[in-house]
Amino acid sequence: MTINRAAAALDNPPIEEMADDLSIEYPETDDMPMPDNDFQMTPITESLMTLRHQFRHRSDVYVAANMFVYYRMNDNRTRVAPDVYVVIGAAHKQPRASWLVWREGKAPDFVLEIASPSTWRYDVREKRRIYAEMGVTEYWRFDAAGRFFTPVLVGERLVDGEYQPIEVATDDDGILRGRSAALELDICILPGLLLRFYDPQRGQWLHTLEEEAAARQEEAAARQEAEAAQRQAEAAQQQAEAAQQQEAAARQEAEASRQEAESSREQEATARQQAEAAQQQAEAALQQEAAARQSLEDEVRRLRQQLGSGG
């Protein structure tokens, strides 16, 4: 956001005719004030953190905000501080104090400026010329307060050294949307002038830092609920298995009782049959005894008759 109106004229000698003077110091700050208000600070901070998170796995993508970019060799007064910028193809993504175009080997590929009362005219005119001279591929401007230009989102792409407009249009959902080829993302302004990034390849909105934290909390809560449900399911399964085991044990006991009862009935039937057989044997013995007694009595009568007739 920092403005430096002491930009040197464009008649500096070409870089290839100069030597990089390593003794020159390039200041990290000019003690100028930070963004004017929340209309600037919020989208700058959210864009910085969102894009850093988006490209966290890319070692060749560098994302920064409000950091000096020096674009003329050996000139530590000619600089610009984009609100947010992204470099694709950086040598590394380690922290830097500033970005020196000739040492890094390239200019930012994407620059986003957030309009403020003190900077928006400079963003539209002087910075636009500087970024074109520097070779910034895409230059985007957003009027977060909705006070300075219409539409509130403007995108431009560098073609043959001149910026050409990037199509920005309102979709059926009332979202002002433009495609950043450099980031492979849609730059979107939601109702309420909220700046958001959309990944068309994944079909997903990129979360802000707060949204990412809330999403993680929701994910953690959902995971805890799922784990609790899993534990409940496992406990219910264990209870069901225990009930099945108890039922099987009860069936086994019932089967054993049935077998015992059946064995008892069989033993009772055998005992009854044995008793009936014994009774039949006893009755047969009694009949035999009665028959023997009758035979003896008949024999005694016959003998008496014989003795009586002989006398």
Protein backbone atom coordinates (compact mmCIF):
# COMPACT_ATOMS: atom_id res chain seq x y z
CA MET A 1 0.00 0.00 0.00
CA THR A 2 2.94 2.37 0.70
CA ILE A 3 3.27 5.17 -1.85
CA ASN A 4 6.66 6.36 -3.11
CA ARG A 5 6.24 9.26 -5.52
CA ALA A 6 10.01 9.60 -6.07
CA ALA A 7 10.04 7.01 -8.83
CA ALA A 8 12.93 7.56 -11.17
CA ALA A 9 12.42 8.36 -14.83
CA LEU A 10 12.29 5.52 -17.32
CA ASP A 11 15.55 6.62 -18.94
CA ASN A 12 17.70 4.61 -16.51
CA PRO A 13 20.38 2.55 -18.27
CA PRO A 14 19.38 -1.07 -19.05
CA ILE A 15 20.13 -3.63 -16.33
CA GLU A 16 22.45 -5.64 -18.58
CA GLU A 17 24.75 -2.60 -18.79
CA MET A 18 24.98 -2.29 -15.00
CA ALA A 19 26.58 -4.29 -12.21
CA ASP A 20 24.67 -5.17 -9.04
CA ASP A 21 26.22 -3.08 -6.28
CA LEU A 22 25.95 -5.36 -3.24
CA SER A 23 26.99 -2.57 -0.89
CA ILE A 24 23.70 -0.74 -1.38
CA GLU A 25 21.16 -1.27 1.38
CA TYR A 26 17.49 -1.53 0.49
CA PRO A 27 15.28 -0.30 3.37
CA GLU A 28 12.53 -2.58 4.62
CA THR A 29 10.26 0.25 5.70
CA ASP A 30 9.70 3.93 5.08
CA ASP A 31 7.78 4.55 8.34
CA MET A 32 4.66 5.32 6.33
CA PRO A 33 1.27 4.48 7.95
CA MET A 34 -0.30 1.09 7.55
CA PRO A 35 -3.61 0.60 5.67
CA ASP A 36 -6.12 3.39 6.25
CA ASN A 37 -8.97 1.33 7.72
CA ASP A 38 -10.69 -2.05 8.04
CA PHE A 39 -11.91 -1.80 4.46
CA GLN A 40 -8.26 -2.28 3.49
CA MET A 41 -6.81 -4.28 6.36
CA THR A 42 -9.38 -7.08 6.34
CA PRO A 43 -9.18 -8.05 2.64
CA ILE A 44 -5.37 -7.64 2.64
CA THR A 45 -4.93 -9.91 5.67
CA GLU A 46 -7.51 -12.45 4.54
CA SER A 47 -6.12 -12.58 0.99
CA LEU A 48 -2.56 -13.01 2.25
CA MET A 49 -3.42 -15.89 4.58
CA THR A 50 -5.84 -17.52 2.13
CA LEU A 51 -3.34 -17.54 -0.73
CA ARG A 52 -0.50 -18.71 1.49
CA HIS A 53 -2.66 -21.60 2.61
CA GLN A 54 -3.70 -22.36 -0.97
CA PHE A 55 -0.09 -22.60 -2.15
CA ARG A 56 1.41 -24.03 1.06
CA HIS A 57 2.58 -27.17 -0.76
CA ARG A 58 4.22 -25.22 -3.59
CA SER A 59 7.85 -24.39 -2.79
CA ASP A 60 8.04 -22.18 -5.89
CA VAL A 61 5.14 -19.90 -4.95
CA TYR A 62 5.84 -16.87 -2.77
CA VAL A 63 2.99 -14.80 -1.30
CA ALA A 64 3.54 -11.49 0.51
CA ALA A 65 1.74 -8.31 1.52
CA ASN A 66 2.78 -4.70 2.12
CA MET A 67 6.43 -5.53 1.43
CA PHE A 68 8.73 -3.42 -0.70
CA VAL A 69 9.42 -4.51 -4.25
CA TYR A 70 12.55 -2.89 -5.71
CA TYR A 71 12.58 -3.08 -9.47
CA ARG A 72 15.56 -0.96 -10.54
CA MET A 73 19.04 -2.21 -9.84
CA ASN A 74 21.17 -0.08 -7.50
CA ASP A 75 18.24 2.28 -6.87
CA ASN A 76 17.02 2.00 -3.29
CA ARG A 77 14.58 4.90 -3.63
CA THR A 78 12.46 3.52 -6.46
CA ARG A 79 10.16 0.95 -4.96
CA VAL A 80 6.56 -0.02 -4.58
CA ALA A 81 4.72 -1.97 -1.89
CA PRO A 82 1.77 -3.95 -3.31
CA ASP A 83 -1.01 -4.72 -0.87
CA VAL A 84 -0.80 -8.40 -1.86
CA TYR A 85 1.39 -10.07 -4.45
CA VAL A 86 2.17 -13.60 -5.61
CA VAL A 87 5.23 -14.88 -7.45
CA ILE A 88 4.94 -18.14 -9.39
CA GLY A 89 8.31 -19.74 -10.01
CA ALA A 90 10.16 -18.24 -7.05
CA ALA A 91 13.50 -19.78 -6.09
CA HIS A 92 12.16 -20.50 -2.60
CA LYS A 93 9.43 -19.39 -0.22
CA GLN A 94 11.59 -18.52 2.78
CA PRO A 95 10.90 -15.14 4.46
CA ARG A 96 12.37 -12.07 2.79
CA ALA A 97 12.87 -8.48 3.89
CA SER A 98 11.98 -7.19 0.43
CA TRP A 99 11.74 -8.38 -3.16
CA LEU A 100 14.51 -7.28 -5.51
CA VAL A 101 13.35 -8.10 -9.02
CA TRP A 102 16.80 -8.36 -10.63
CA ARG A 103 18.14 -10.66 -7.90
CA GLU A 104 15.04 -12.85 -7.73
CA GLY A 105 14.98 -13.13 -11.51
CA LYS A 106 11.38 -12.04 -12.03
CA ALA A 107 8.59 -9.69 -11.02
CA PRO A 108 5.40 -10.76 -9.24
CA ASP A 109 2.88 -12.56 -11.42
CA PHE A 110 -0.15 -11.31 -9.49
CA VAL A 111 -0.73 -8.03 -7.66
CA LEU A 112 -3.86 -7.05 -5.74
CA GLU A 113 -4.41 -3.49 -4.52
CA ILE A 114 -7.21 -2.59 -2.11
CA ALA A 115 -8.53 0.92 -2.70
CA SER A 116 -8.40 3.54 0.06
CA PRO A 117 -9.14 7.27 0.10
CA SER A 118 -5.41 8.10 0.02
CA THR A 119 -4.22 5.54 -2.53
CA TRP A 120 -6.86 4.58 -5.05
CA ARG A 121 -5.94 7.24 -7.65
CA TYR A 122 -2.26 6.34 -7.34
CA ASP A 123 -3.20 2.63 -7.75
CA VAL A 124 -5.11 3.40 -10.95
CA ARG A 125 -2.48 5.62 -12.56
CA GLU A 126 1.10 5.54 -11.29
CA LYS A 127 1.15 2.03 -9.88
CA ARG A 128 -0.45 0.70 -13.03
CA ARG A 129 2.42 2.20 -15.03
CA ILE A 130 5.02 0.85 -12.57
CA TYR A 131 3.58 -2.67 -12.62
CA ALA A 132 3.52 -2.67 -16.40
CA GLU A 133 7.16 -1.51 -16.50
CA MET A 134 8.08 -4.15 -13.94
CA GLY A 135 6.34 -6.91 -15.92
CA VAL A 136 3.59 -7.86 -13.45
CA THR A 137 1.42 -10.33 -15.39
CA GLU A 138 -1.90 -9.56 -13.67
CA TYR A 139 -2.95 -6.42 -11.84
CA TRP A 140 -6.19 -6.50 -9.81
CA ARG A 141 -7.88 -3.67 -7.90
CA PHE A 142 -10.71 -4.01 -5.39
CA ASP A 143 -12.80 -1.19 -3.93
CA ALA A 144 -13.77 -2.78 -0.62
CA ALA A 145 -15.71 0.31 0.47
CA GLY A 146 -17.61 0.60 -2.82
CA ARG A 147 -16.79 4.33 -3.02
CA PHE A 148 -14.07 4.83 -5.60
CA PHE A 149 -14.73 2.95 -8.87
CA THR A 150 -17.27 0.75 -10.64
CA PRO A 151 -17.30 -2.17 -10.89
CA VAL A 152 -15.64 -2.67 -7.52
CA LEU A 153 -13.34 -5.36 -8.97
CA VAL A 154 -11.02 -4.62 -11.90
CA GLY A 155 -8.55 -7.08 -13.38
CA GLU A 156 -5.97 -6.49 -16.11
CA ARG A 157 -3.50 -8.75 -17.91
CA LEU A 158 -0.21 -7.55 -19.38
CA VAL A 159 -0.11 -8.09 -23.16
CA ASP A 160 2.86 -6.77 -25.16
CA GLY A 161 3.74 -4.35 -22.38
CA GLU A 162 0.21 -2.92 -22.06
CA TYR A 163 -2.56 -3.89 -19.66
CA GLN A 164 -5.70 -5.32 -21.24
CA PRO A 165 -8.93 -5.79 -19.25
CA ILE A 166 -9.85 -9.18 -17.80
CA GLU A 167 -13.54 -9.94 -18.10
CA VAL A 168 -15.35 -9.43 -14.80
CA ALA A 169 -19.08 -10.15 -14.66
CA THR A 170 -21.85 -10.82 -12.16
CA ASP A 171 -23.11 -14.42 -12.22
CA ASP A 172 -26.60 -15.76 -11.49
CA ASP A 173 -25.83 -15.85 -7.75
CA GLY A 174 -25.03 -12.14 -7.67
CA ILE A 175 -21.28 -12.79 -7.39
CA LEU A 176 -18.91 -10.50 -9.26
CA ARG A 177 -16.34 -12.88 -10.72
CA GLY A 178 -13.15 -12.73 -12.77
CA ARG A 179 -10.66 -15.47 -13.66
CA SER A 180 -7.00 -15.13 -12.67
CA ALA A 181 -5.00 -17.23 -15.10
CA ALA A 182 -1.87 -16.58 -13.03
CA LEU A 183 -3.36 -18.12 -9.87
CA GLU A 184 -5.75 -20.48 -11.68
CA LEU A 185 -8.43 -19.13 -9.36
CA ASP A 186 -11.57 -17.03 -9.65
CA ILE A 187 -11.41 -13.66 -7.89
CA CYS A 188 -14.89 -13.11 -6.51
CA ILE A 189 -16.78 -10.35 -4.75
CA LEU A 190 -19.71 -11.72 -2.79
CA PRO A 191 -22.74 -9.65 -1.78
CA GLY A 192 -21.66 -7.37 1.03
CA LEU A 193 -18.37 -6.61 -0.78
CA LEU A 194 -16.59 -9.69 0.56
CA LEU A 195 -13.47 -10.70 -1.37
CA ARG A 196 -13.15 -14.46 -1.80
CA PHE A 197 -11.18 -16.88 -3.98
CA TYR A 198 -12.73 -19.87 -5.74
CA ASP A 199 -10.90 -22.91 -7.09
CA PRO A 200 -12.77 -23.95 -10.29
CA GLN A 201 -10.72 -27.14 -10.67
CA ARG A 202 -11.83 -28.47 -7.28
CA GLY A 203 -15.15 -26.66 -7.28
CA GLN A 204 -14.42 -25.23 -3.83
CA TRP A 205 -14.25 -21.85 -2.12
CA LEU A 206 -10.95 -21.09 -0.45
CA HIS A 207 -11.39 -20.49 3.25
CA THR A 208 -10.20 -17.40 5.05
CA LEU A 209 -8.12 -17.92 8.18
CA GLU A 210 -11.21 -17.65 10.40
CA GLU A 211 -13.26 -19.87 8.11
CA GLU A 212 -10.42 -22.41 8.02
CA ALA A 213 -10.27 -22.43 11.84
CA ALA A 214 -14.06 -22.80 12.03
CA ALA A 215 -13.97 -25.58 9.42
CA ARG A 216 -11.28 -27.38 11.39
CA GLN A 217 -13.31 -27.05 14.57
CA GLU A 218 -16.38 -28.38 12.78
CA GLU A 219 -14.28 -31.19 11.31
CA ALA A 220 -12.87 -32.01 14.75
CA ALA A 221 -16.36 -31.94 16.27
CA ALA A 222 -17.70 -34.14 13.46
CA ARG A 223 -14.77 -36.52 13.92
CA GLN A 224 -15.43 -36.68 17.67
CA GLU A 225 -19.12 -37.33 17.02
CA ALA A 226 -18.21 -40.03 14.51
CA GLU A 227 -15.79 -41.60 16.98
CA ALA A 228 -18.42 -41.46 19.73
CA ALA A 229 -20.97 -43.02 17.37
CA GLN A 230 -18.40 -45.67 16.47
CA ARG A 231 -17.80 -46.42 20.14
CA GLN A 232 -21.54 -46.61 20.74
CA ALA A 233 -21.91 -48.93 17.76
CA GLU A 234 -19.07 -51.11 19.04
CA ALA A 235 -20.64 -51.18 22.52
CA ALA A 236 -24.01 -52.07 21.00
CA GLN A 237 -22.31 -54.78 18.94
CA GLN A 238 -20.64 -56.14 22.04
CA GLN A 239 -23.95 -56.09 23.88
CA ALA A 240 -25.64 -57.85 20.97
CA GLU A 241 -22.88 -60.47 20.88
CA ALA A 242 -23.17 -60.93 24.66
CA ALA A 243 -26.95 -61.30 24.31
CA GLN A 244 -26.42 -63.83 21.52
CA GLN A 245 -23.98 -65.75 23.71
CA GLN A 246 -26.45 -65.66 26.60
CA GLU A 247 -29.21 -66.82 24.27
CA ALA A 248 -27.01 -69.62 22.96
CA ALA A 249 -26.13 -70.63 26.55
CA ALA A 250 -29.83 -70.56 27.46
CA ARG A 251 -30.64 -72.71 24.43
CA GLN A 252 -27.89 -75.13 25.43
CA GLU A 253 -29.24 -75.26 28.99
CA ALA A 254 -32.76 -75.76 27.68
CA GLU A 255 -31.52 -78.51 25.35
CA ALA A 256 -29.65 -80.15 28.23
CA SER A 257 -32.77 -79.91 30.41
CA ARG A 258 -34.86 -81.34 27.60
CA GLN A 259 -32.40 -84.20 27.16
CA GLU A 260 -32.39 -84.81 30.92
CA ALA A 261 -36.17 -84.76 31.00
CA GLU A 262 -36.31 -87.12 28.02
CA SER A 263 -33.74 -89.40 29.69
CA SER A 264 -35.80 -89.29 32.88
CA ARG A 265 -38.93 -90.18 30.94
CA GLU A 266 -37.08 -93.03 29.24
CA GLN A 267 -35.79 -94.27 32.60
CA GLU A 268 -39.30 -93.96 34.07
CA ALA A 269 -40.74 -95.88 31.14
CA THR A 270 -38.07 -98.56 31.54
CA ALA A 271 -38.74 -98.78 35.28
CA ARG A 272 -42.46 -98.98 34.62
CA GLN A 273 -41.90 -101.73 32.07
CA GLN A 274 -39.65 -103.54 34.53
CA ALA A 275 -42.29 -103.14 37.27
CA GLU A 276 -45.00 -104.41 34.96
CA ALA A 277 -42.80 -107.36 33.99
CA ALA A 278 -42.09 -108.09 37.66
CA GLN A 279 -45.78 -107.86 38.42
CA GLN A 280 -46.56 -110.22 35.56
CA GLN A 281 -43.89 -112.60 36.83
CA ALA A 282 -45.36 -112.38 40.33
CA GLU A 283 -48.86 -113.02 39.00
CA ALA A 284 -47.55 -115.94 36.97
CA ALA A 285 -45.81 -117.28 40.08
CA LEU A 286 -49.03 -116.93 42.07
CA GLN A 287 -50.95 -118.71 39.34
CA GLN A 288 -48.36 -121.48 39.31
CA GLU A 289 -48.55 -121.68 43.09
CA ALA A 290 -52.35 -121.81 42.99
CA ALA A 291 -52.23 -124.47 40.28
CA ALA A 292 -49.73 -126.51 42.31
CA ARG A 293 -51.90 -126.19 45.41
CA GLN A 294 -54.97 -127.23 43.45
CA SER A 295 -53.09 -130.18 42.00
CA LEU A 296 -51.94 -131.19 45.48
CA GLU A 297 -55.45 -130.91 46.85
CA ASP A 298 -56.77 -133.00 43.99
CA GLU A 299 -54.09 -135.59 44.63
CA VAL A 300 -54.93 -135.66 48.35
CA ARG A 301 -58.63 -136.20 47.60
CA ARG A 302 -57.83 -138.94 45.14
CA LEU A 303 -55.65 -140.73 47.69
CA ARG A 304 -58.33 -140.41 50.34
CA GLN A 305 -60.89 -141.88 48.00
CA GLN A 306 -58.63 -144.80 47.23
CA LEU A 307 -58.02 -145.46 50.90
CA GLY A 308 -61.71 -145.21 51.66
CA SER A 309 -62.75 -147.71 49.01
CA GLY A 310 -60.10 -150.21 50.05
CA GLY A 311 -61.41 -150.46 53.59
